[in-house]
Amino acid sequence: MKKILALTVAALCYFCTYSQEAEASGNVPTLIFSPRFEVNPYIRTGGGGHSGVDFGTSSLYTLFEGSVGENFSYSMSNHWLSTETKSLYQNAFRSDDVDFIDWLTLSYTLGNFTLTVGKDMLAIGGYELDPMDVDQHPTLCSTFWHNCAIYQWGGKVEFTTNDEASTVAFQFGTSPFGEHPFKSKLFTYSLIWYGEYGCFAPIWSANLIEYDRGCFVKMASLGNGFYFGNFGAEVDLMYKNLNYEGANHEISAVGKFGYTFGDKVELFVKGGYEHRTGLDIFGYEDEFGFIPTDLSSKGYAFYGGGVNYYPLRNNQDLRLHAVIAANNHAKSLALSIGATYHFNLTQTIRKRK
């Protein structure tokens, strides 16, 4: 903990000095601290059900990003603290689990093309994988969201149309089935399309994820967003062709439907179903809890809803949430009550000048 605090203080001192120098050149970086605190009580609803209380995904994240000149940009997201902080640092520079670096990228843009290198989120998902982890409600997420190590090292080439309605990207990255980036010699190849066409916004992708040399999980994901005024719907469909030790096909569907009242309140419901036909290769040794880690024996259905409330005037930096979730695995209800605050240090420094 002392090392983390010392690193944080050093980073703050560096940022204050660097931001003053960058402001003179017009390229002011952004540094955002995002603490999250929540309490999750679990209420048993059937025999053998899960009960207890924990601190959910209480955590501390930072986001540091900016530009250098007209063409270069950088972005770094760090996960400094969690309810299992030790594992974030024990897993450093592994590709089969999360660590204290979510992403660390350097991008070069020239015209309609952008080249990005570094650690980045794999382009394999739809809308459920799109939000930052600190903003998610994990008790209402699929097991794929929980189990797949989504942040990997590699590179990406993007092309954006002149009207910015479509972006197509090809990504090459390390595989979540390898233990160490590049050393394991297992890779992921992804092609993804982002679109914005009035009320319809697709995120479609096709992927090859290598689990053994020359052997791939073939995956297609169709994320579909529909927006009409204050109403929004997001539906993800995912298909995985495995051909792996008796496993065959996996199909999943996740839907979220929300309604916003101005910029203060968001009500939403969410649910999904994941179908297994054999070994669950994205799972781990089964440890009983509210979210299952192994679904090789049956399908998984989850459902629930909640409210996000933004009490501050003219911004949504502070979010209060209350969520209820259930599934066919835990025989219990999960309640989640908490707060997330995105503290923009850049804006604070400017206001004090």
Protein backbone atom coordinates (compact mmCIF):
# COMPACT_ATOMS: atom_id res chain seq x y z
CA MET A 1 0.00 0.00 0.00
CA LYS A 2 2.86 2.40 0.80
CA LYS A 3 4.35 1.81 -2.65
CA ILE A 4 0.99 2.57 -4.29
CA LEU A 5 0.60 5.81 -2.32
CA ALA A 6 4.16 6.87 -3.15
CA LEU A 7 3.57 6.15 -6.83
CA THR A 8 0.33 8.13 -6.76
CA VAL A 9 1.99 11.16 -5.14
CA ALA A 10 4.84 11.02 -7.66
CA ALA A 11 2.36 10.81 -10.53
CA LEU A 12 0.45 13.83 -9.20
CA CYS A 13 3.61 15.92 -8.93
CA TYR A 14 4.67 14.94 -12.44
CA PHE A 15 1.21 15.66 -13.84
CA CYS A 16 1.04 19.15 -12.31
CA THR A 17 4.43 20.04 -13.80
CA TYR A 18 3.71 18.40 -17.15
CA SER A 19 0.24 19.97 -17.50
CA GLN A 20 1.68 23.46 -17.01
CA GLU A 21 4.23 22.84 -19.75
CA ALA A 22 1.64 21.26 -22.04
CA GLU A 23 -0.83 24.11 -21.56
CA ALA A 24 1.70 26.50 -23.07
CA SER A 25 1.78 24.34 -26.22
CA GLY A 26 -2.01 23.88 -26.33
CA ASN A 27 -1.87 20.10 -25.71
CA VAL A 28 -3.21 19.83 -22.17
CA PRO A 29 -3.42 16.22 -20.90
CA THR A 30 -6.37 14.86 -18.96
CA LEU A 31 -6.00 13.02 -15.66
CA ILE A 32 -9.13 11.54 -14.08
CA PHE A 33 -9.26 9.72 -10.74
CA SER A 34 -12.21 7.34 -10.50
CA PRO A 35 -12.86 5.82 -7.06
CA ARG A 36 -15.80 3.44 -6.74
CA PHE A 37 -17.31 2.15 -3.51
CA GLU A 38 -20.21 -0.26 -3.19
CA VAL A 39 -21.75 -2.79 -0.84
CA ASN A 40 -23.36 -5.98 -2.17
CA PRO A 41 -25.62 -7.98 0.16
CA TYR A 42 -26.84 -11.37 -1.14
CA ILE A 43 -30.22 -12.76 -0.06
CA ARG A 44 -30.81 -16.52 -0.32
CA THR A 45 -34.02 -17.42 -2.18
CA GLY A 46 -33.71 -21.22 -2.28
CA GLY A 47 -32.00 -24.22 -0.76
CA GLY A 48 -28.23 -24.10 -1.18
CA GLY A 49 -28.46 -20.50 -2.32
CA HIS A 50 -25.68 -17.95 -2.01
CA SER A 51 -25.86 -15.48 0.89
CA GLY A 52 -23.56 -12.96 2.54
CA VAL A 53 -22.20 -9.50 1.88
CA ASP A 54 -19.13 -8.11 0.12
CA PHE A 55 -17.76 -4.87 -1.25
CA GLY A 56 -18.45 -5.77 -4.87
CA THR A 57 -16.12 -4.02 -7.30
CA SER A 58 -14.98 -1.24 -4.98
CA SER A 59 -11.86 0.07 -6.68
CA LEU A 60 -9.67 2.96 -7.78
CA TYR A 61 -8.96 3.69 -11.44
CA THR A 62 -7.15 6.49 -13.24
CA LEU A 63 -7.32 7.64 -16.85
CA PHE A 64 -4.44 9.67 -18.31
CA GLU A 65 -4.64 10.77 -21.94
CA GLY A 66 -3.77 13.56 -24.30
CA SER A 67 -2.06 14.45 -27.56
CA VAL A 68 1.37 15.42 -28.81
CA GLY A 69 1.21 17.70 -31.81
CA GLU A 70 -1.55 17.20 -34.37
CA ASN A 71 -1.09 13.51 -35.11
CA PHE A 72 0.00 11.64 -31.98
CA SER A 73 -2.22 10.77 -29.00
CA TYR A 74 -1.83 8.55 -25.96
CA SER A 75 -4.11 6.93 -23.41
CA MET A 76 -3.47 4.96 -20.23
CA SER A 77 -6.03 3.45 -17.85
CA ASN A 78 -4.81 1.95 -14.57
CA HIS A 79 -6.62 -0.21 -12.03
CA TRP A 80 -4.76 0.58 -8.81
CA LEU A 81 -7.01 -0.84 -6.08
CA SER A 82 -9.72 -3.50 -5.89
CA THR A 83 -11.16 -5.92 -3.34
CA GLU A 84 -8.29 -8.22 -4.45
CA THR A 85 -5.55 -5.62 -4.92
CA LYS A 86 -2.68 -8.09 -4.51
CA SER A 87 -3.70 -10.06 -7.60
CA LEU A 88 -3.53 -6.94 -9.78
CA TYR A 89 0.23 -6.79 -9.23
CA GLN A 90 0.88 -10.54 -9.05
CA ASN A 91 -0.65 -10.81 -12.54
CA ALA A 92 1.49 -8.02 -13.98
CA PHE A 93 2.30 -8.61 -17.64
CA ARG A 94 0.27 -11.80 -17.90
CA SER A 95 -2.17 -12.27 -20.75
CA ASP A 96 -4.59 -14.71 -19.09
CA ASP A 97 -5.84 -12.37 -16.35
CA VAL A 98 -6.29 -8.68 -15.53
CA ASP A 99 -3.55 -6.59 -13.91
CA PHE A 100 -3.04 -2.98 -12.85
CA ILE A 101 -2.77 -1.77 -16.47
CA ASP A 102 -6.05 -1.92 -18.35
CA TRP A 103 -4.71 -0.21 -21.44
CA LEU A 104 -1.65 1.75 -22.51
CA THR A 105 -1.76 2.96 -26.13
CA LEU A 106 0.00 5.31 -28.50
CA SER A 107 -1.86 6.34 -31.66
CA TYR A 108 -0.87 8.09 -34.87
CA THR A 109 -3.61 9.60 -37.05
CA LEU A 110 -3.13 10.61 -40.67
CA GLY A 111 -6.22 11.60 -42.60
CA ASN A 112 -8.86 8.88 -42.24
CA PHE A 113 -6.40 6.29 -40.86
CA THR A 114 -5.26 5.69 -37.27
CA LEU A 115 -2.52 3.29 -36.19
CA THR A 116 -2.54 2.25 -32.51
CA VAL A 117 0.05 0.15 -30.67
CA GLY A 118 0.30 -0.99 -27.06
CA LYS A 119 -2.08 -2.71 -24.67
CA ASP A 120 -5.70 -2.27 -25.71
CA MET A 121 -9.14 -3.83 -25.37
CA LEU A 122 -9.64 -6.67 -27.81
CA ALA A 123 -12.15 -5.81 -30.54
CA ILE A 124 -14.29 -8.86 -29.83
CA GLY A 125 -17.43 -7.63 -28.16
CA GLY A 126 -20.55 -5.59 -28.48
CA TYR A 127 -22.16 -3.16 -26.08
CA GLU A 128 -21.63 -5.11 -22.86
CA LEU A 129 -17.85 -4.84 -23.27
CA ASP A 130 -17.93 -1.22 -24.42
CA PRO A 131 -18.20 0.76 -21.11
CA MET A 132 -15.19 1.26 -18.85
CA ASP A 133 -14.99 -1.40 -16.14
CA VAL A 134 -15.41 1.16 -13.36
CA ASP A 135 -18.83 2.10 -14.77
CA GLN A 136 -20.17 -1.45 -15.11
CA HIS A 137 -22.63 -3.33 -12.88
CA PRO A 138 -20.91 -6.77 -12.70
CA THR A 139 -23.77 -8.65 -10.99
CA LEU A 140 -25.69 -8.01 -14.23
CA CYS A 141 -22.92 -9.08 -16.61
CA SER A 142 -22.38 -12.28 -18.56
CA THR A 143 -19.80 -14.86 -17.56
CA PHE A 144 -17.90 -13.98 -20.75
CA TRP A 145 -17.50 -10.40 -19.44
CA HIS A 146 -16.20 -11.80 -16.14
CA ASN A 147 -13.91 -14.53 -17.48
CA CYS A 148 -12.31 -13.27 -20.69
CA ALA A 149 -9.05 -11.33 -20.23
CA ILE A 150 -10.04 -8.57 -22.64
CA TYR A 151 -6.96 -6.31 -22.41
CA GLN A 152 -4.09 -7.54 -24.59
CA TRP A 153 -0.90 -6.26 -26.25
CA GLY A 154 -0.73 -5.67 -29.99
CA GLY A 155 -1.67 -3.20 -32.69
CA LYS A 156 -4.69 -1.89 -34.58
CA VAL A 157 -5.35 -0.08 -37.86
CA GLU A 158 -8.58 1.94 -38.17
CA PHE A 159 -10.27 3.65 -41.10
CA THR A 160 -13.00 6.25 -40.44
CA THR A 161 -15.21 7.64 -43.18
CA ASN A 162 -15.28 11.38 -43.85
CA ASP A 163 -18.69 11.78 -42.20
CA GLU A 164 -17.45 9.73 -39.18
CA ALA A 165 -20.52 7.48 -39.47
CA SER A 166 -18.44 4.31 -39.87
CA THR A 167 -15.15 3.03 -38.52
CA VAL A 168 -13.60 -0.27 -39.59
CA ALA A 169 -10.59 -1.67 -37.72
CA PHE A 170 -8.29 -4.67 -37.98
CA GLN A 171 -6.55 -5.68 -34.78
CA PHE A 172 -3.70 -8.09 -34.04
CA GLY A 173 -3.12 -8.92 -30.39
CA THR A 174 -1.98 -11.52 -27.92
CA SER A 175 -4.43 -14.24 -26.90
CA PRO A 176 -6.19 -14.50 -23.51
CA PHE A 177 -5.34 -18.23 -23.64
CA GLY A 178 -1.60 -17.55 -23.38
CA GLU A 179 0.18 -17.05 -20.06
CA HIS A 180 2.59 -14.31 -21.14
CA PRO A 181 2.23 -11.80 -24.00
CA PHE A 182 4.13 -12.83 -27.15
CA LYS A 183 6.17 -15.43 -25.24
CA SER A 184 3.23 -17.85 -25.43
CA LYS A 185 3.05 -17.29 -29.22
CA LEU A 186 -0.77 -17.32 -29.18
CA PHE A 187 -2.57 -14.46 -30.90
CA THR A 188 -5.96 -12.91 -31.64
CA TYR A 189 -7.08 -11.52 -35.00
CA SER A 190 -10.14 -9.24 -35.07
CA LEU A 191 -12.11 -7.27 -37.61
CA ILE A 192 -14.65 -4.82 -36.18
CA TRP A 193 -17.13 -2.27 -37.55
CA TYR A 194 -18.57 0.66 -35.57
CA GLY A 195 -21.46 2.60 -37.09
CA GLU A 196 -23.76 5.50 -36.24
CA TYR A 197 -26.77 5.81 -38.52
CA GLY A 198 -29.46 7.90 -36.89
CA CYS A 199 -31.22 5.75 -34.31
CA PHE A 200 -29.14 2.63 -35.13
CA ALA A 201 -25.55 2.09 -33.97
CA PRO A 202 -23.97 -1.32 -34.72
CA ILE A 203 -20.79 -2.83 -33.26
CA TRP A 204 -20.13 -5.97 -35.30
CA SER A 205 -16.97 -8.07 -35.19
CA ALA A 206 -15.42 -11.32 -36.41
CA ASN A 207 -12.56 -12.89 -34.48
CA LEU A 208 -10.03 -15.71 -34.40
CA ILE A 209 -8.70 -16.39 -30.88
CA GLU A 210 -5.81 -18.85 -30.76
CA TYR A 211 -5.94 -21.34 -27.87
CA ASP A 212 -3.20 -23.64 -29.19
CA ARG A 213 -0.69 -23.20 -31.97
CA GLY A 214 -2.76 -23.05 -35.18
CA CYS A 215 -6.07 -23.77 -33.36
CA PHE A 216 -8.63 -21.00 -32.98
CA VAL A 217 -11.92 -20.15 -31.35
CA LYS A 218 -13.94 -18.65 -34.21
CA MET A 219 -16.21 -15.96 -32.85
CA ALA A 220 -18.74 -13.53 -34.27
CA SER A 221 -20.37 -10.75 -32.24
CA LEU A 222 -23.26 -8.53 -33.28
CA GLY A 223 -23.82 -5.56 -30.98
CA ASN A 224 -26.85 -3.47 -31.90
CA GLY A 225 -27.79 -0.14 -30.32
CA PHE A 226 -31.18 1.52 -30.88
CA TYR A 227 -31.89 5.03 -29.58
CA PHE A 228 -35.17 6.94 -29.73
CA GLY A 229 -35.21 10.13 -27.69
CA ASN A 230 -34.75 9.21 -24.03
CA PHE A 231 -35.15 5.48 -24.71
CA GLY A 232 -32.22 3.23 -25.54
CA ALA A 233 -31.88 -0.49 -26.26
CA GLU A 234 -28.65 -2.48 -26.64
CA VAL A 235 -28.73 -6.09 -27.82
CA ASP A 236 -25.63 -8.28 -28.16
CA LEU A 237 -25.61 -11.62 -29.98
CA MET A 238 -22.47 -13.75 -29.83
CA TYR A 239 -21.60 -17.06 -31.49
CA LYS A 240 -18.46 -19.11 -30.78
CA ASN A 241 -17.36 -22.14 -32.80
CA LEU A 242 -14.94 -23.94 -30.50
CA ASN A 243 -13.97 -27.40 -31.76
CA TYR A 244 -12.03 -27.80 -28.52
CA GLU A 245 -11.83 -31.02 -26.45
CA GLY A 246 -15.46 -31.99 -27.01
CA ALA A 247 -16.80 -28.44 -26.87
CA ASN A 248 -18.75 -27.45 -29.95
CA HIS A 249 -20.80 -24.26 -30.16
CA GLU A 250 -21.66 -21.50 -27.71
CA ILE A 251 -24.39 -18.92 -28.26
CA SER A 252 -25.23 -15.98 -26.02
CA ALA A 253 -27.65 -13.06 -26.06
CA VAL A 254 -27.57 -10.02 -23.77
CA GLY A 255 -30.04 -7.14 -23.79
CA LYS A 256 -30.21 -3.85 -21.91
CA PHE A 257 -33.11 -1.38 -22.07
CA GLY A 258 -32.99 2.03 -20.45
CA TYR A 259 -34.85 5.30 -20.12
CA THR A 260 -33.30 8.58 -19.02
CA PHE A 261 -35.01 11.49 -17.28
CA GLY A 262 -33.01 14.55 -18.32
CA ASP A 263 -29.37 14.20 -17.29
CA LYS A 264 -30.12 13.12 -13.71
CA VAL A 265 -31.76 9.69 -13.67
CA GLU A 266 -31.37 6.54 -15.74
CA LEU A 267 -33.64 3.53 -15.20
CA PHE A 268 -32.64 0.26 -16.83
CA VAL A 269 -33.35 -3.45 -17.01
CA LYS A 270 -30.89 -6.03 -18.30
CA GLY A 271 -30.84 -9.75 -18.91
CA GLY A 272 -29.13 -12.45 -20.88
CA TYR A 273 -28.69 -16.12 -21.62
CA GLU A 274 -25.52 -18.08 -22.38
CA HIS A 275 -25.81 -21.55 -23.89
CA ARG A 276 -23.05 -24.12 -23.52
CA THR A 277 -22.58 -27.35 -25.51
CA GLY A 278 -19.58 -28.90 -23.81
CA LEU A 279 -16.51 -27.56 -22.05
CA ASP A 280 -16.57 -23.92 -21.00
CA ILE A 281 -13.13 -22.85 -22.17
CA PHE A 282 -13.51 -19.27 -20.93
CA GLY A 283 -14.38 -20.46 -17.42
CA TYR A 284 -12.20 -21.50 -14.51
CA GLU A 285 -12.34 -24.11 -11.78
CA ASP A 286 -15.81 -23.86 -10.33
CA GLU A 287 -15.97 -21.80 -7.14
CA PHE A 288 -19.48 -21.28 -5.90
CA GLY A 289 -20.58 -17.68 -5.69
CA PHE A 290 -23.23 -15.42 -7.15
CA ILE A 291 -21.51 -15.39 -10.57
CA PRO A 292 -20.58 -18.90 -11.78
CA THR A 293 -17.06 -19.54 -13.05
CA ASP A 294 -17.87 -22.74 -14.96
CA LEU A 295 -20.96 -23.26 -17.12
CA SER A 296 -20.03 -26.52 -18.82
CA SER A 297 -23.00 -28.30 -17.25
CA LYS A 298 -25.89 -25.97 -18.11
CA GLY A 299 -26.95 -22.68 -19.62
CA TYR A 300 -26.88 -19.47 -17.65
CA ALA A 301 -29.74 -16.97 -17.40
CA PHE A 302 -29.41 -13.67 -15.55
CA TYR A 303 -31.74 -10.70 -15.17
CA GLY A 304 -32.41 -7.59 -13.10
CA GLY A 305 -32.49 -3.83 -13.18
CA GLY A 306 -31.50 -0.66 -11.42
CA VAL A 307 -31.16 3.08 -11.34
CA ASN A 308 -28.22 5.43 -11.89
CA TYR A 309 -28.57 8.87 -10.31
CA TYR A 310 -26.31 11.87 -11.06
CA PRO A 311 -26.80 14.46 -8.27
CA LEU A 312 -24.29 17.11 -9.38
CA ARG A 313 -25.44 20.08 -11.38
CA ASN A 314 -24.47 20.28 -15.05
CA ASN A 315 -22.30 17.14 -15.09
CA GLN A 316 -22.39 13.39 -14.48
CA ASP A 317 -19.05 13.03 -12.69
CA LEU A 318 -20.72 11.59 -9.58
CA ARG A 319 -22.98 8.57 -10.03
CA LEU A 320 -25.03 6.86 -7.32
CA HIS A 321 -26.43 3.45 -8.20
CA ALA A 322 -28.80 0.83 -6.84
CA VAL A 323 -29.06 -2.51 -8.66
CA ILE A 324 -30.88 -5.80 -8.08
CA ALA A 325 -29.85 -8.96 -9.92
CA ALA A 326 -30.76 -12.66 -10.01
CA ASN A 327 -29.75 -15.73 -12.01
CA ASN A 328 -30.44 -19.46 -12.33
CA HIS A 329 -27.17 -20.41 -10.68
CA ALA A 330 -26.98 -18.78 -7.26
CA LYS A 331 -30.58 -19.14 -6.01
CA SER A 332 -30.31 -15.69 -4.48
CA LEU A 333 -30.80 -11.98 -5.08
CA ALA A 334 -27.86 -9.61 -5.26
CA LEU A 335 -28.31 -6.01 -4.20
CA SER A 336 -25.68 -3.44 -5.12
CA ILE A 337 -25.61 0.06 -3.65
CA GLY A 338 -22.72 2.36 -4.32
CA ALA A 339 -21.13 5.47 -5.78
CA THR A 340 -18.58 6.26 -8.50
CA TYR A 341 -16.88 9.62 -8.86
CA HIS A 342 -14.81 10.69 -11.87
CA PHE A 343 -12.60 13.45 -10.47
CA ASN A 344 -11.03 15.46 -13.31
CA LEU A 345 -7.76 16.81 -11.92
CA THR A 346 -7.11 18.87 -15.08
CA GLN A 347 -10.25 20.95 -14.58
CA THR A 348 -9.44 21.46 -10.88
CA ILE A 349 -5.94 22.78 -11.68
CA ARG A 350 -7.35 25.19 -14.24
CA LYS A 351 -9.98 26.54 -11.83
CA ARG A 352 -7.33 27.27 -9.19
CA LYS A 353 -5.27 29.42 -11.56
